[in-house]
Amino acid sequence: MKKRIALLMALTMAFSVTACSGGAQTETKTETETGKAEAEKAGTEKAETENGEAGSEEKIELTMWARASSAENNQTITMDEFNASQDKIHVTVECYGDNYEEVLKLASQSKELPDIFEISGLGNPTSYMEAGLAAPLNDYITDDMREEFNPSAFTKYNIDGQIYAIPHQTRYIRAYYNRDLFEKAGLDPDAFPETLEGMYDAAKAITEAGNGEFYGFGLPIKSGSTWERNVDDIAILSGLTGPFGFDYTQGKFDFAKQKPIIEYFAKLYEEGLMMPGAESLDIEVIRANFIAGKIGIYFDGSWMVNGYNNEIEGGDVTNWDVAPVPIFEGTERAKDYLMLESGHCIAATSEHPAEAFEAINYLYHNIYSAPARKDASMVAPSLSLIDSVNAEINSTEAVKALKGSVGLTTGTENLSSFVVTPHSVLTLEGDDRNTVYPLLVINSGEVNMDEELSKLSERYNSALEKAVAEGLLKQEDLKPEGFDYYTR
């Protein structure tokens, strides 16, 4: 706690300097107004004109819409700090929670969008850009910014060379494990397995040590996102496919390439190395059992480090840790799977686009540090697309002392996103991947896996052809020239 307080003091000092800067501007303005009065008294017409203009300046008022359900969120905290840091722009953040997308759609139809709107959680965020509701940001993105940001920042919402938003949320997958259960199984908690074979051995040892009280691995088969977290991430790290079995080297879906990974999880299931009832468990149940010390290992998103440390009851006392996801022995490790989310658009109708960009640029640089400057208990690892921000925040003693932060921030330089994720725009006929994969894991010995994966690829590729014909996807994006999973 002392370390967190020290960080808060340091960050607060930085904030105070910024706030004082705004105060100095206000003081100068007051002196100007005094000068004006003296000039009027002396009858100096020139001074009266110049100071009259300076004295009549008002702040530019901007409105930002956010999806957050509470007014006490990182965006609001950061914009409050931005408002206090200067005296020419004021941003009011309005939060709409679960109604956000509906409210945004209505505003789009009536052409009454706010100056800035968040695109987190929207069913099809690019539809707002393609409809001309958002203003391109290219004129405001400098060469220095392009050097500062991870290159993936400018690909997520790039349409025909025009950038309409820059994501501020980065997500990726990590292995979460219980250090106490590792020790009970005779394993070294400081040496999480780097291979899937090693993880299998660890899961087996933990399950045997648990004797029905705890188990080696947790797989929430009921959750659709399970296969993205588990199978896709391993496939991407192994240079096999992208998300949802799409292979960018071929420009088509090839679920057969993920077969060894499906067989791996089927083996864990068949041998009882998973928590029982996996077929009916969702991710929230897995998380609860992990914190309760019932599961030794499971895969989850980077955001859960902050969740367990600051939000979920029991997370601060359970002896858990984080490590990179392992791959099969002898496999060359490819780039990791970076998922980009959220971001903000400037409405095409905004009368102050330059000022709006100044505000969201401040957000990009401070959304991970501003909350800690307000409350030291909100300190968390930075997952920014700006390397310098990550380096500054993650090198502090307060962050390094957090559970999971070392494993979370290890290897982040190897993260990279995919420009196009074809599965997200397809209209599929028949069972999708999230329906087929559970059956392959649960009934691996009773189904023809090769046949089922071939049929699955056919369904997805048929839908892919229609999407290309309808202009939803471009053929050149599906098979990028010179693409490989190791240098993308």
Protein backbone atom coordinates (compact mmCIF):
# COMPACT_ATOMS: atom_id res chain seq x y z
CA MET A 1 0.00 0.00 0.00
CA LYS A 2 2.87 2.33 0.82
CA LYS A 3 4.17 1.81 -2.72
CA ARG A 4 0.79 2.74 -4.18
CA ILE A 5 0.64 5.88 -2.05
CA ALA A 6 4.12 6.82 -3.24
CA LEU A 7 2.98 6.44 -6.84
CA LEU A 8 -0.09 8.55 -6.18
CA MET A 9 2.06 11.29 -4.66
CA ALA A 10 4.34 11.27 -7.68
CA LEU A 11 1.49 11.28 -10.15
CA THR A 12 -0.38 13.92 -8.14
CA MET A 13 2.67 16.18 -8.31
CA ALA A 14 2.66 15.80 -12.08
CA PHE A 15 -1.03 16.61 -12.14
CA SER A 16 -0.50 19.63 -9.91
CA VAL A 17 2.06 21.05 -12.32
CA THR A 18 -0.46 20.70 -15.14
CA ALA A 19 -3.23 22.25 -13.07
CA CYS A 20 -0.99 25.12 -12.02
CA SER A 21 -0.26 25.77 -15.67
CA GLY A 22 -3.98 26.34 -16.21
CA GLY A 23 -4.06 28.59 -13.15
CA ALA A 24 -1.21 30.70 -14.49
CA GLN A 25 -3.19 31.30 -17.68
CA THR A 26 -6.17 32.47 -15.63
CA GLU A 27 -3.98 34.84 -13.64
CA THR A 28 -2.57 36.35 -16.84
CA LYS A 29 -6.06 36.89 -18.13
CA THR A 30 -7.01 38.74 -14.94
CA GLU A 31 -4.00 41.01 -15.31
CA THR A 32 -5.05 41.72 -18.90
CA GLU A 33 -8.50 42.75 -17.82
CA THR A 34 -6.94 45.10 -15.24
CA GLY A 35 -4.76 46.56 -17.98
CA LYS A 36 -7.87 47.10 -20.05
CA ALA A 37 -9.50 49.14 -17.29
CA GLU A 38 -6.39 51.28 -16.94
CA ALA A 39 -6.23 51.76 -20.71
CA GLU A 40 -9.85 52.86 -20.82
CA LYS A 41 -9.18 55.29 -18.05
CA ALA A 42 -6.19 56.70 -19.94
CA GLY A 43 -8.18 56.79 -23.18
CA THR A 44 -5.83 54.43 -25.06
CA GLU A 45 -8.09 53.10 -27.80
CA LYS A 46 -5.64 50.48 -29.13
CA ALA A 47 -5.15 48.84 -25.75
CA GLU A 48 -8.91 48.85 -25.22
CA THR A 49 -9.49 46.95 -28.47
CA GLU A 50 -6.75 44.37 -27.96
CA ASN A 51 -7.58 43.61 -24.36
CA GLY A 52 -11.27 43.63 -25.02
CA GLU A 53 -10.84 40.72 -27.43
CA ALA A 54 -8.67 38.83 -24.96
CA GLY A 55 -11.12 39.35 -22.13
CA SER A 56 -14.07 38.02 -24.13
CA GLU A 57 -12.56 34.57 -24.83
CA GLU A 58 -14.71 31.63 -23.75
CA LYS A 59 -14.00 27.93 -23.48
CA ILE A 60 -15.00 25.70 -26.36
CA GLU A 61 -17.64 23.28 -25.05
CA LEU A 62 -17.50 19.71 -26.35
CA THR A 63 -19.69 16.71 -25.57
CA MET A 64 -18.45 13.11 -25.44
CA TRP A 65 -20.75 10.09 -25.29
CA ALA A 66 -19.50 6.94 -23.54
CA ARG A 67 -20.86 3.45 -23.12
CA ALA A 68 -19.90 3.27 -19.44
CA SER A 69 -22.76 2.60 -17.04
CA SER A 70 -21.28 4.70 -14.24
CA ALA A 71 -20.14 8.31 -14.23
CA GLU A 72 -17.07 7.21 -12.29
CA ASN A 73 -15.19 5.61 -15.17
CA ASN A 74 -11.72 6.00 -16.65
CA GLN A 75 -12.90 8.14 -19.56
CA THR A 76 -14.67 10.62 -17.29
CA ILE A 77 -11.76 10.74 -14.87
CA THR A 78 -9.33 11.40 -17.73
CA MET A 79 -11.49 14.09 -19.30
CA ASP A 80 -11.94 15.80 -15.91
CA GLU A 81 -8.16 15.95 -15.70
CA PHE A 82 -7.98 17.27 -19.27
CA ASN A 83 -10.48 20.01 -18.44
CA ALA A 84 -8.37 21.08 -15.47
CA SER A 85 -5.13 21.00 -17.44
CA GLN A 86 -6.00 23.89 -19.77
CA ASP A 87 -8.52 26.70 -20.08
CA LYS A 88 -9.61 26.69 -23.72
CA ILE A 89 -11.59 23.42 -24.02
CA HIS A 90 -14.14 21.79 -21.74
CA VAL A 91 -15.43 18.26 -22.37
CA THR A 92 -18.64 16.97 -20.81
CA VAL A 93 -18.85 13.16 -20.73
CA GLU A 94 -22.33 11.63 -20.88
CA CYS A 95 -22.70 7.90 -20.07
CA TYR A 96 -25.53 5.71 -21.37
CA GLY A 97 -24.70 2.17 -20.25
CA ASP A 98 -26.67 -0.65 -21.91
CA ASN A 99 -28.78 1.86 -23.87
CA TYR A 100 -25.75 3.37 -25.55
CA GLU A 101 -26.04 1.82 -29.00
CA GLU A 102 -29.75 2.58 -29.24
CA VAL A 103 -29.18 6.20 -28.23
CA LEU A 104 -26.32 6.53 -30.73
CA LYS A 105 -28.44 5.11 -33.56
CA LEU A 106 -31.25 7.57 -32.85
CA ALA A 107 -28.79 10.46 -32.75
CA SER A 108 -27.31 9.31 -36.06
CA GLN A 109 -30.71 9.30 -37.73
CA SER A 110 -31.49 12.82 -36.52
CA LYS A 111 -27.97 14.09 -37.26
CA GLU A 112 -27.58 15.16 -33.65
CA LEU A 113 -24.42 13.34 -32.71
CA PRO A 114 -22.14 14.69 -29.98
CA ASP A 115 -18.71 16.06 -30.88
CA ILE A 116 -17.07 12.79 -29.80
CA PHE A 117 -18.62 9.35 -29.51
CA GLU A 118 -17.15 6.10 -28.25
CA ILE A 119 -17.44 3.01 -30.44
CA SER A 120 -17.00 0.36 -27.76
CA GLY A 121 -19.39 -2.57 -28.01
CA LEU A 122 -21.18 -1.39 -31.13
CA GLY A 123 -22.46 -4.19 -33.34
CA ASN A 124 -20.89 -2.66 -36.45
CA PRO A 125 -18.80 0.39 -35.57
CA THR A 126 -17.51 0.87 -39.11
CA SER A 127 -21.06 1.46 -40.35
CA TYR A 128 -20.93 4.91 -38.72
CA MET A 129 -17.74 5.67 -40.59
CA GLU A 130 -18.95 4.34 -43.93
CA ALA A 131 -22.15 6.37 -43.56
CA GLY A 132 -20.15 9.60 -43.30
CA LEU A 133 -21.13 10.21 -39.68
CA ALA A 134 -17.51 10.30 -38.49
CA ALA A 135 -14.76 12.67 -39.61
CA PRO A 136 -11.40 11.28 -40.82
CA LEU A 137 -8.52 11.92 -38.43
CA ASN A 138 -5.70 11.84 -40.98
CA ASP A 139 -5.12 15.59 -40.91
CA TYR A 140 -4.49 15.48 -37.16
CA ILE A 141 -2.28 12.39 -37.02
CA THR A 142 1.30 13.61 -37.25
CA ASP A 143 4.43 11.68 -38.19
CA ASP A 144 5.47 11.85 -34.54
CA MET A 145 2.23 10.16 -33.53
CA ARG A 146 2.77 7.39 -36.04
CA GLU A 147 6.19 6.78 -34.53
CA GLU A 148 4.81 6.86 -31.01
CA PHE A 149 1.90 4.42 -31.43
CA ASN A 150 1.95 0.70 -32.13
CA PRO A 151 1.33 0.37 -35.93
CA SER A 152 -1.83 -1.64 -35.20
CA ALA A 153 -3.42 1.55 -33.87
CA PHE A 154 -3.91 2.87 -37.38
CA THR A 155 -5.25 -0.29 -39.00
CA LYS A 156 -8.34 -1.18 -36.94
CA TYR A 157 -10.58 1.64 -38.21
CA ASN A 158 -8.84 2.42 -41.48
CA ILE A 159 -11.24 2.55 -44.42
CA ASP A 160 -9.73 3.19 -47.84
CA GLY A 161 -6.77 4.95 -46.28
CA GLN A 162 -8.86 7.16 -44.00
CA ILE A 163 -8.45 6.65 -40.23
CA TYR A 164 -11.66 7.30 -38.31
CA ALA A 165 -10.70 6.19 -34.80
CA ILE A 166 -7.73 4.98 -32.78
CA PRO A 167 -8.43 2.16 -30.30
CA HIS A 168 -7.56 2.85 -26.69
CA GLN A 169 -8.32 -0.61 -25.31
CA THR A 170 -5.88 -3.41 -26.03
CA ARG A 171 -6.68 -6.96 -25.03
CA TYR A 172 -4.81 -10.20 -25.28
CA ILE A 173 -4.83 -13.65 -23.70
CA ARG A 174 -2.76 -14.97 -20.84
CA ALA A 175 -2.61 -18.18 -18.78
CA TYR A 176 -3.83 -17.58 -15.22
CA TYR A 177 -2.62 -20.05 -12.61
CA ASN A 178 -2.84 -20.71 -8.88
CA ARG A 179 0.60 -20.66 -7.27
CA ASP A 180 -0.55 -22.51 -4.16
CA LEU A 181 -1.94 -25.39 -6.21
CA PHE A 182 1.33 -25.57 -8.15
CA GLU A 183 3.20 -25.99 -4.89
CA LYS A 184 0.75 -28.61 -3.61
CA ALA A 185 1.40 -30.58 -6.80
CA GLY A 186 5.18 -30.32 -6.36
CA LEU A 187 5.54 -27.80 -9.19
CA ASP A 188 7.61 -24.61 -9.27
CA PRO A 189 5.19 -21.64 -9.27
CA ASP A 190 7.94 -19.40 -10.66
CA ALA A 191 8.29 -21.56 -13.77
CA PHE A 192 4.98 -21.80 -15.60
CA PRO A 193 5.29 -24.27 -18.52
CA GLU A 194 6.33 -22.78 -21.85
CA THR A 195 4.96 -25.75 -23.82
CA LEU A 196 1.52 -27.32 -24.02
CA GLU A 197 3.10 -30.67 -23.19
CA GLY A 198 4.45 -29.11 -19.99
CA MET A 199 1.06 -27.61 -19.19
CA TYR A 200 -0.57 -31.03 -19.65
CA ASP A 201 1.87 -32.50 -17.12
CA ALA A 202 1.13 -29.65 -14.71
CA ALA A 203 -2.64 -30.06 -15.09
CA LYS A 204 -2.30 -33.78 -14.43
CA ALA A 205 -0.13 -33.26 -11.35
CA ILE A 206 -2.53 -30.69 -9.92
CA THR A 207 -5.57 -32.87 -10.54
CA GLU A 208 -3.93 -35.85 -8.87
CA ALA A 209 -2.88 -33.72 -5.90
CA GLY A 210 -6.41 -32.34 -5.64
CA ASN A 211 -8.01 -35.77 -5.32
CA GLY A 212 -11.40 -34.32 -6.26
CA GLU A 213 -11.01 -31.03 -4.38
CA PHE A 214 -9.32 -29.09 -7.17
CA TYR A 215 -8.43 -29.68 -10.82
CA GLY A 216 -5.68 -28.87 -13.28
CA PHE A 217 -7.48 -26.89 -15.96
CA GLY A 218 -10.67 -24.87 -16.40
CA LEU A 219 -12.39 -24.74 -19.80
CA PRO A 220 -15.74 -22.89 -19.96
CA ILE A 221 -17.18 -24.85 -22.87
CA LYS A 222 -20.54 -23.09 -22.53
CA SER A 223 -19.01 -19.68 -23.39
CA GLY A 224 -18.72 -18.86 -27.10
CA SER A 225 -15.57 -16.82 -26.49
CA THR A 226 -13.82 -19.94 -25.13
CA TRP A 227 -12.48 -20.97 -28.51
CA GLU A 228 -11.09 -17.53 -29.25
CA ARG A 229 -9.36 -17.48 -25.87
CA ASN A 230 -8.01 -21.01 -26.03
CA VAL A 231 -7.86 -22.54 -29.52
CA ASP A 232 -7.43 -19.36 -31.60
CA ASP A 233 -4.75 -17.90 -29.39
CA ILE A 234 -2.62 -21.04 -29.55
CA ALA A 235 -3.18 -21.30 -33.32
CA ILE A 236 -2.06 -17.70 -33.84
CA LEU A 237 0.98 -18.09 -31.58
CA SER A 238 1.86 -21.26 -33.52
CA GLY A 239 1.63 -19.60 -36.94
CA LEU A 240 -1.29 -21.81 -38.03
CA THR A 241 -4.32 -19.53 -38.50
CA GLY A 242 -5.80 -16.24 -37.45
CA PRO A 243 -9.02 -15.83 -35.43
CA PHE A 244 -11.84 -18.30 -36.16
CA GLY A 245 -9.64 -20.56 -38.25
CA PHE A 246 -9.10 -17.99 -41.00
CA ASP A 247 -5.75 -18.48 -42.73
CA TYR A 248 -4.37 -15.25 -44.19
CA THR A 249 -1.71 -17.13 -46.14
CA GLN A 250 -4.49 -18.84 -48.15
CA GLY A 251 -7.17 -16.16 -47.95
CA LYS A 252 -9.78 -18.62 -46.69
CA PHE A 253 -10.96 -20.53 -43.63
CA ASP A 254 -9.09 -23.72 -42.78
CA PHE A 255 -10.32 -25.14 -39.48
CA ALA A 256 -8.37 -28.36 -40.07
CA LYS A 257 -5.21 -26.47 -39.10
CA GLN A 258 -6.60 -26.12 -35.58
CA LYS A 259 -7.19 -29.88 -35.19
CA PRO A 260 -4.10 -30.60 -32.98
CA ILE A 261 -5.22 -27.92 -30.53
CA ILE A 262 -8.78 -29.25 -30.36
CA GLU A 263 -7.40 -32.74 -29.76
CA TYR A 264 -5.25 -31.35 -26.96
CA PHE A 265 -8.23 -29.97 -25.05
CA ALA A 266 -10.25 -33.10 -25.83
CA LYS A 267 -7.50 -35.12 -24.13
CA LEU A 268 -7.63 -32.91 -21.02
CA TYR A 269 -11.41 -33.38 -20.94
CA GLU A 270 -11.36 -37.14 -21.53
CA GLU A 271 -8.72 -37.78 -18.87
CA GLY A 272 -10.58 -35.76 -16.24
CA LEU A 273 -7.92 -33.07 -15.95
CA MET A 274 -10.55 -30.34 -16.36
CA MET A 275 -12.98 -29.19 -13.71
CA PRO A 276 -16.00 -31.50 -14.03
CA GLY A 277 -19.07 -30.26 -15.87
CA ALA A 278 -16.99 -28.17 -18.27
CA GLU A 279 -19.66 -28.57 -20.94
CA SER A 280 -22.12 -26.53 -18.85
CA LEU A 281 -19.73 -23.96 -17.38
CA ASP A 282 -19.40 -20.37 -18.56
CA ILE A 283 -16.45 -18.05 -18.03
CA GLU A 284 -17.87 -16.41 -14.90
CA VAL A 285 -18.21 -19.78 -13.17
CA ILE A 286 -14.64 -20.65 -14.12
CA ARG A 287 -13.41 -17.34 -12.70
CA ALA A 288 -15.28 -17.86 -9.45
CA ASN A 289 -13.84 -21.37 -9.03
CA PHE A 290 -10.36 -20.17 -9.92
CA ILE A 291 -10.48 -17.54 -7.19
CA ALA A 292 -11.90 -20.16 -4.82
CA GLY A 293 -8.82 -22.35 -5.38
CA LYS A 294 -10.62 -25.07 -7.33
CA ILE A 295 -8.81 -24.63 -10.67
CA GLY A 296 -5.06 -24.64 -11.24
CA ILE A 297 -4.87 -23.11 -14.76
CA TYR A 298 -7.18 -21.40 -17.21
CA PHE A 299 -6.90 -18.89 -20.08
CA ASP A 300 -8.42 -15.42 -19.84
CA GLY A 301 -8.07 -11.86 -21.05
CA SER A 302 -5.47 -9.34 -19.93
CA TRP A 303 -8.19 -7.20 -18.35
CA MET A 304 -8.71 -9.76 -15.57
CA VAL A 305 -5.45 -8.74 -13.89
CA ASN A 306 -7.09 -5.46 -12.99
CA GLY A 307 -10.38 -7.26 -12.30
CA TYR A 308 -8.90 -9.65 -9.76
CA ASN A 309 -6.72 -6.99 -8.14
CA ASN A 310 -9.36 -4.30 -7.80
CA GLU A 311 -12.87 -5.54 -8.47
CA ILE A 312 -13.62 -9.24 -7.92
CA GLU A 313 -14.02 -10.35 -4.33
CA GLY A 314 -11.29 -12.77 -3.31
CA GLY A 315 -8.95 -11.81 -6.11
CA ASP A 316 -6.74 -9.84 -3.77
CA VAL A 317 -6.18 -12.76 -1.38
CA THR A 318 -5.95 -15.77 -3.72
CA ASN A 319 -2.34 -16.54 -4.63
CA TRP A 320 -2.67 -16.35 -8.42
CA ASP A 321 -0.28 -15.33 -11.17
CA VAL A 322 -0.10 -14.81 -14.94
CA ALA A 323 2.09 -16.22 -17.73
CA PRO A 324 2.20 -16.20 -21.54
CA VAL A 325 0.11 -18.89 -23.25
CA PRO A 326 2.24 -21.96 -24.09
CA ILE A 327 2.55 -23.64 -27.49
CA PHE A 328 3.53 -27.13 -28.64
CA GLU A 329 7.11 -28.20 -28.14
CA GLY A 330 9.30 -27.55 -31.18
CA THR A 331 6.99 -24.88 -32.58
CA GLU A 332 8.38 -21.46 -33.47
CA ARG A 333 6.55 -18.76 -31.55
CA ALA A 334 4.75 -16.27 -33.80
CA LYS A 335 3.32 -12.83 -33.03
CA ASP A 336 0.78 -12.76 -30.22
CA TYR A 337 -2.91 -12.00 -30.74
CA LEU A 338 -3.69 -8.34 -30.04
CA MET A 339 -7.41 -7.53 -29.89
CA LEU A 340 -8.21 -3.86 -30.29
CA GLU A 341 -11.39 -2.36 -28.93
CA SER A 342 -13.15 0.90 -28.23
CA GLY A 343 -11.77 4.16 -29.56
CA HIS A 344 -13.53 7.43 -30.29
CA CYS A 345 -14.86 9.06 -33.41
CA ILE A 346 -15.25 12.77 -34.05
CA ALA A 347 -18.67 13.49 -35.48
CA ALA A 348 -18.64 14.87 -38.99
CA THR A 349 -21.07 17.54 -37.74
CA SER A 350 -18.77 18.78 -34.96
CA GLU A 351 -17.91 22.46 -35.28
CA HIS A 352 -14.62 21.94 -33.42
CA PRO A 353 -12.91 18.83 -34.83
CA ALA A 354 -9.37 20.02 -34.04
CA GLU A 355 -10.25 20.64 -30.40
CA ALA A 356 -12.07 17.31 -30.25
CA PHE A 357 -8.94 15.55 -31.47
CA GLU A 358 -6.88 17.38 -28.86
CA ALA A 359 -9.20 15.96 -26.21
CA ILE A 360 -9.12 12.34 -27.41
CA ASN A 361 -5.36 12.52 -27.95
CA TYR A 362 -5.08 13.44 -24.28
CA LEU A 363 -7.28 10.45 -23.52
CA TYR A 364 -4.96 8.09 -25.43
CA HIS A 365 -1.97 9.26 -23.42
CA ASN A 366 -3.57 9.38 -19.97
CA ILE A 367 -6.44 6.91 -19.66
CA TYR A 368 -4.20 4.43 -17.83
CA SER A 369 -2.49 6.95 -15.56
CA ALA A 370 -5.22 9.51 -14.80
CA PRO A 371 -7.26 7.12 -12.60
CA ALA A 372 -4.17 6.41 -10.47
CA ARG A 373 -3.54 10.12 -10.09
CA LYS A 374 -7.03 10.43 -8.64
CA ASP A 375 -6.94 7.29 -6.48
CA ALA A 376 -3.83 5.18 -5.85
CA SER A 377 -5.95 2.03 -5.44
CA MET A 378 -6.88 2.30 -9.13
CA VAL A 379 -3.30 1.80 -10.26
CA ALA A 380 -3.13 -0.98 -12.86
CA PRO A 381 -0.78 -2.20 -15.58
CA SER A 382 -0.92 -0.10 -18.73
CA LEU A 383 -2.05 -1.81 -21.93
CA SER A 384 -1.70 1.27 -24.11
CA LEU A 385 -0.85 1.27 -27.81
CA ILE A 386 1.76 3.86 -26.90
CA ASP A 387 4.97 2.09 -25.89
CA SER A 388 6.30 5.05 -23.91
CA VAL A 389 3.14 5.10 -21.77
CA ASN A 390 3.49 1.39 -21.04
CA ALA A 391 7.15 1.82 -20.16
CA GLU A 392 6.46 4.73 -17.82
CA ILE A 393 3.56 3.16 -15.94
CA ASN A 394 4.59 -0.49 -15.89
CA SER A 395 8.08 0.30 -14.59
CA THR A 396 6.75 1.85 -11.38
CA GLU A 397 7.14 -0.12 -8.16
CA ALA A 398 3.40 0.08 -7.49
CA VAL A 399 2.53 -1.65 -10.76
CA LYS A 400 5.30 -4.22 -10.54
CA ALA A 401 4.03 -5.16 -7.06
CA LEU A 402 0.57 -6.03 -8.40
CA LYS A 403 -0.28 -9.69 -8.82
CA GLY A 404 0.06 -10.83 -12.40
CA SER A 405 1.65 -7.65 -13.71
CA VAL A 406 5.00 -9.23 -14.61
CA GLY A 407 3.42 -12.03 -16.65
CA LEU A 408 0.99 -9.60 -18.18
CA THR A 409 3.63 -7.18 -19.40
CA THR A 410 6.12 -9.84 -20.54
CA GLY A 411 6.24 -10.17 -24.32
CA THR A 412 3.93 -7.26 -25.09
CA GLU A 413 6.38 -6.04 -27.74
CA ASN A 414 5.35 -9.13 -29.71
CA LEU A 415 1.66 -8.22 -29.92
CA SER A 416 0.03 -7.51 -33.28
CA SER A 417 -3.54 -7.24 -34.51
CA PHE A 418 -5.22 -8.39 -37.71
CA VAL A 419 -6.43 -5.70 -40.10
CA VAL A 420 -9.46 -7.73 -41.19
CA THR A 421 -11.32 -10.44 -39.24
CA PRO A 422 -13.60 -11.97 -41.89
CA HIS A 423 -15.76 -14.07 -39.55
CA SER A 424 -17.24 -10.93 -37.99
CA VAL A 425 -19.19 -9.93 -41.14
CA LEU A 426 -20.36 -13.33 -42.39
CA THR A 427 -23.92 -14.62 -42.60
CA LEU A 428 -23.48 -18.33 -42.02
CA GLU A 429 -25.83 -21.10 -43.04
CA GLY A 430 -25.67 -24.03 -40.61
CA ASP A 431 -23.75 -24.62 -37.38
CA ASP A 432 -20.98 -22.19 -36.59
CA ARG A 433 -17.61 -22.84 -34.98
CA ASN A 434 -18.91 -22.17 -31.47
CA THR A 435 -21.47 -24.96 -31.93
CA VAL A 436 -19.14 -27.51 -33.51
CA TYR A 437 -16.04 -27.19 -31.31
CA PRO A 438 -17.76 -28.16 -28.03
CA LEU A 439 -18.95 -31.40 -29.65
CA LEU A 440 -15.46 -32.16 -30.90
CA VAL A 441 -13.99 -31.74 -27.42
CA ILE A 442 -16.72 -33.57 -25.52
CA ASN A 443 -17.26 -36.40 -28.02
CA SER A 444 -13.83 -36.63 -29.62
CA GLY A 445 -13.88 -40.40 -29.75
CA GLU A 446 -17.33 -40.61 -31.32
CA VAL A 447 -17.08 -38.11 -34.18
CA ASN A 448 -15.00 -37.88 -37.31
CA MET A 449 -13.07 -34.73 -36.51
CA ASP A 450 -11.54 -34.40 -39.98
CA GLU A 451 -14.95 -34.59 -41.61
CA GLU A 452 -16.56 -32.08 -39.22
CA LEU A 453 -13.74 -29.57 -39.64
CA SER A 454 -13.91 -29.92 -43.44
CA LYS A 455 -17.66 -29.24 -43.43
CA LEU A 456 -17.12 -26.27 -41.12
CA SER A 457 -14.54 -24.78 -43.49
CA GLU A 458 -16.91 -25.26 -46.43
CA ARG A 459 -19.72 -23.40 -44.64
CA TYR A 460 -17.49 -20.49 -43.69
CA ASN A 461 -15.85 -20.23 -47.10
CA SER A 462 -19.23 -20.27 -48.81
CA ALA A 463 -20.34 -17.37 -46.62
CA LEU A 464 -17.00 -15.68 -47.32
CA GLU A 465 -17.58 -15.79 -51.08
CA LYS A 466 -20.98 -14.13 -50.63
CA ALA A 467 -19.50 -11.44 -48.40
CA VAL A 468 -16.88 -10.62 -51.03
CA ALA A 469 -19.51 -10.57 -53.79
CA GLU A 470 -21.62 -8.17 -51.72
CA GLY A 471 -18.67 -5.87 -51.14
CA LEU A 472 -18.48 -6.51 -47.39
CA LEU A 473 -14.90 -7.75 -47.75
CA LYS A 474 -12.16 -7.07 -50.27
CA GLN A 475 -10.29 -9.99 -51.78
CA GLU A 476 -6.94 -8.23 -51.44
CA ASP A 477 -7.46 -7.89 -47.66
CA LEU A 478 -8.03 -11.61 -47.24
CA LYS A 479 -4.60 -12.62 -48.50
CA PRO A 480 -2.22 -9.72 -47.83
CA GLU A 481 0.90 -9.75 -49.96
CA GLY A 482 3.89 -11.12 -48.08
CA PHE A 483 1.84 -12.02 -45.00
CA ASP A 484 3.17 -14.39 -42.37
CA TYR A 485 2.29 -14.92 -38.71
CA TYR A 486 5.80 -14.17 -37.50
CA THR A 487 6.40 -10.69 -38.90
CA ARG A 488 2.85 -9.32 -39.40
